Amino acid sequence: MKKKIHPDYHEIEVEMTDGSKYKTRSTWGKEGDKLKLEIDPKSHPAWTGGGVKLIDSEGQLARFKKKYQGIKLKK
């Protein structure tokens, strides 16, 4: 194995949307960093069956609705 070509693999803490936390190993961030998830298996409709609304943290959904609000589809 070549030296200094592989990313650092270290322990981080992950915080789920419900506030629960767990530790895992990752190449993300630095040793001891905390990763706070906005979407995870506890809140994403793909895993929950669609009963939970997604949080529009960047305003993308609002911009999409505003851009296409006047378009009407023919049936």
Protein backbone atom coordinates (compact mmCIF):
# COMPACT_ATOMS: atom_id res chain seq x y z
CA MET A 1 0.00 0.00 0.00
CA LYS A 2 1.42 3.40 -0.99
CA LYS A 3 1.90 5.90 1.79
CA LYS A 4 0.13 9.31 1.93
CA ILE A 5 -2.36 8.60 -0.89
CA HIS A 6 -5.23 7.29 1.23
CA PRO A 7 -7.64 9.57 3.13
CA ASP A 8 -7.53 9.69 6.91
CA TYR A 9 -10.04 7.25 8.42
CA HIS A 10 -11.12 8.44 11.87
CA GLU A 11 -14.00 8.50 14.37
CA ILE A 12 -16.81 11.11 14.08
CA GLU A 13 -20.17 11.62 15.80
CA VAL A 14 -23.37 11.61 13.73
CA GLU A 15 -26.55 13.34 14.97
CA MET A 16 -29.83 12.15 13.48
CA THR A 17 -32.85 14.41 12.87
CA ASP A 18 -34.51 13.21 16.09
CA GLY A 19 -31.46 14.21 18.16
CA SER A 20 -30.09 10.71 18.70
CA LYS A 21 -26.33 10.37 18.23
CA TYR A 22 -23.90 7.60 17.39
CA LYS A 23 -20.20 7.29 16.67
CA THR A 24 -18.80 5.84 13.47
CA ARG A 25 -15.61 5.86 11.45
CA SER A 26 -15.41 7.99 8.30
CA THR A 27 -13.16 9.94 5.95
CA TRP A 28 -15.47 12.98 6.38
CA GLY A 29 -14.14 15.91 8.42
CA LYS A 30 -11.54 15.52 11.12
CA GLU A 31 -11.19 13.32 14.20
CA GLY A 32 -13.97 14.18 16.67
CA ASP A 33 -16.07 16.31 14.25
CA LYS A 34 -19.88 16.19 14.51
CA LEU A 35 -22.05 15.56 11.43
CA LYS A 36 -25.65 16.80 11.85
CA LEU A 37 -28.03 15.21 9.36
CA GLU A 38 -30.99 17.09 7.86
CA ILE A 39 -32.41 13.99 6.16
CA ASP A 40 -31.96 10.45 7.42
CA PRO A 41 -33.83 7.12 7.36
CA LYS A 42 -36.01 8.30 10.26
CA SER A 43 -37.36 11.32 8.32
CA HIS A 44 -37.00 10.62 4.58
CA PRO A 45 -40.15 9.48 2.75
CA ALA A 46 -38.25 6.74 0.93
CA TRP A 47 -37.91 4.91 4.26
CA THR A 48 -40.96 6.20 6.14
CA GLY A 49 -43.56 5.60 3.43
CA GLY A 50 -44.11 9.27 2.61
CA GLY A 51 -45.83 10.30 5.82
CA VAL A 52 -43.22 12.92 6.75
CA LYS A 53 -42.67 16.23 4.96
CA LEU A 54 -39.14 17.14 3.93
CA ILE A 55 -37.62 20.25 5.47
CA ASP A 56 -36.93 22.83 2.75
CA SER A 57 -33.71 24.20 4.28
CA GLU A 58 -32.39 25.82 1.10
CA GLY A 59 -35.67 27.19 -0.26
CA GLN A 60 -35.41 25.04 -3.39
CA LEU A 61 -38.97 23.78 -3.12
CA ALA A 62 -40.31 27.33 -2.68
CA ARG A 63 -38.36 28.54 -5.74
CA PHE A 64 -39.64 25.60 -7.81
CA LYS A 65 -43.26 26.25 -6.85
CA LYS A 66 -42.90 29.98 -7.60
CA LYS A 67 -41.27 29.32 -10.99
CA TYR A 68 -43.95 26.86 -12.17
CA GLN A 69 -47.08 28.13 -10.39
CA GLY A 70 -48.76 29.39 -13.59
CA ILE A 71 -48.34 26.20 -15.64
CA LYS A 72 -51.50 24.17 -16.10
CA LEU A 73 -51.47 20.59 -17.34
CA LYS A 74 -54.07 19.33 -19.79
CA LYS A 75 -55.83 16.08 -18.83
